[in-house]
Amino acid sequence: MAVLKVIEVLSSSTVSWEDATKKAVSQATKTLKNIRSVYVQEQSASVKNGQVDEFRVNLKLTFEIE
């Protein structure tokens, strides 16, 4: 039986929400093993001078504990 843990991660990107999600998973894999899934809980963006300048995501990462 596998034991799974869920953590919350925040990430941002100047490109897109998808890019912010990929960056979060890429960074998390540096210290976490066996990541099973990512759930995008919330999306937001910051606006500067009338333009979206940063995409932000609040994620839940699920990984297996060894």
Protein backbone atom coordinates (compact mmCIF):
# COMPACT_ATOMS: atom_id res chain seq x y z
CA MET A 1 0.00 0.00 0.00
CA ALA A 2 1.37 3.40 -0.97
CA VAL A 3 1.33 6.36 1.39
CA LEU A 4 0.82 9.69 -0.33
CA LYS A 5 1.39 13.23 0.90
CA VAL A 6 -0.06 16.48 -0.46
CA ILE A 7 1.71 19.83 -0.24
CA GLU A 8 0.74 23.28 -1.40
CA VAL A 9 3.03 25.14 -3.79
CA LEU A 10 2.84 28.65 -5.25
CA SER A 11 4.43 29.55 -8.58
CA SER A 12 4.43 32.35 -11.13
CA SER A 13 5.41 32.99 -14.74
CA THR A 14 5.44 35.91 -17.13
CA VAL A 15 4.38 33.53 -19.94
CA SER A 16 1.25 31.60 -18.85
CA TRP A 17 -0.50 29.62 -16.11
CA GLU A 18 0.65 26.45 -17.82
CA ASP A 19 4.26 27.63 -17.68
CA ALA A 20 3.88 28.51 -13.99
CA THR A 21 2.58 24.99 -13.34
CA LYS A 22 5.45 23.38 -15.24
CA LYS A 23 7.97 25.52 -13.34
CA ALA A 24 6.47 24.47 -10.00
CA VAL A 25 6.66 20.76 -10.85
CA SER A 26 10.17 21.11 -12.26
CA GLN A 27 11.41 22.87 -9.14
CA ALA A 28 9.63 20.44 -6.81
CA THR A 29 11.27 17.43 -8.46
CA LYS A 30 14.63 18.74 -7.25
CA THR A 31 13.71 17.85 -3.65
CA LEU A 32 10.71 15.51 -3.94
CA LYS A 33 10.61 12.03 -5.41
CA ASN A 34 7.65 10.13 -6.82
CA ILE A 35 5.39 13.08 -7.67
CA ARG A 36 2.13 11.50 -8.80
CA SER A 37 -0.13 14.45 -9.66
CA VAL A 38 -0.64 18.18 -9.58
CA TYR A 39 -3.95 19.90 -8.93
CA VAL A 40 -4.28 23.55 -9.91
CA GLN A 41 -6.30 24.91 -7.04
CA GLU A 42 -6.32 28.59 -7.95
CA GLN A 43 -5.17 30.88 -10.77
CA SER A 44 -4.60 34.61 -10.64
CA ALA A 45 -2.69 37.27 -12.51
CA SER A 46 -1.13 40.62 -11.70
CA VAL A 47 -1.71 43.62 -13.93
CA LYS A 48 0.74 46.42 -14.59
CA ASN A 49 0.02 49.42 -16.83
CA GLY A 50 -3.20 47.84 -18.08
CA GLN A 51 -1.49 44.57 -19.13
CA VAL A 52 -1.19 41.17 -17.48
CA ASP A 53 2.45 40.94 -16.43
CA GLU A 54 2.49 37.79 -14.27
CA PHE A 55 0.46 34.58 -14.12
CA ARG A 56 0.21 32.91 -10.70
CA VAL A 57 -0.93 29.44 -9.67
CA ASN A 58 -1.64 27.82 -6.33
CA LEU A 59 -1.05 24.08 -6.70
CA LYS A 60 -1.41 20.92 -4.70
CA LEU A 61 1.30 18.35 -5.41
CA THR A 62 0.77 14.71 -4.49
CA PHE A 63 3.77 12.46 -4.02
CA GLU A 64 4.46 9.00 -2.64
CA ILE A 65 6.37 8.69 0.63
CA GLU A 66 9.04 6.00 0.52
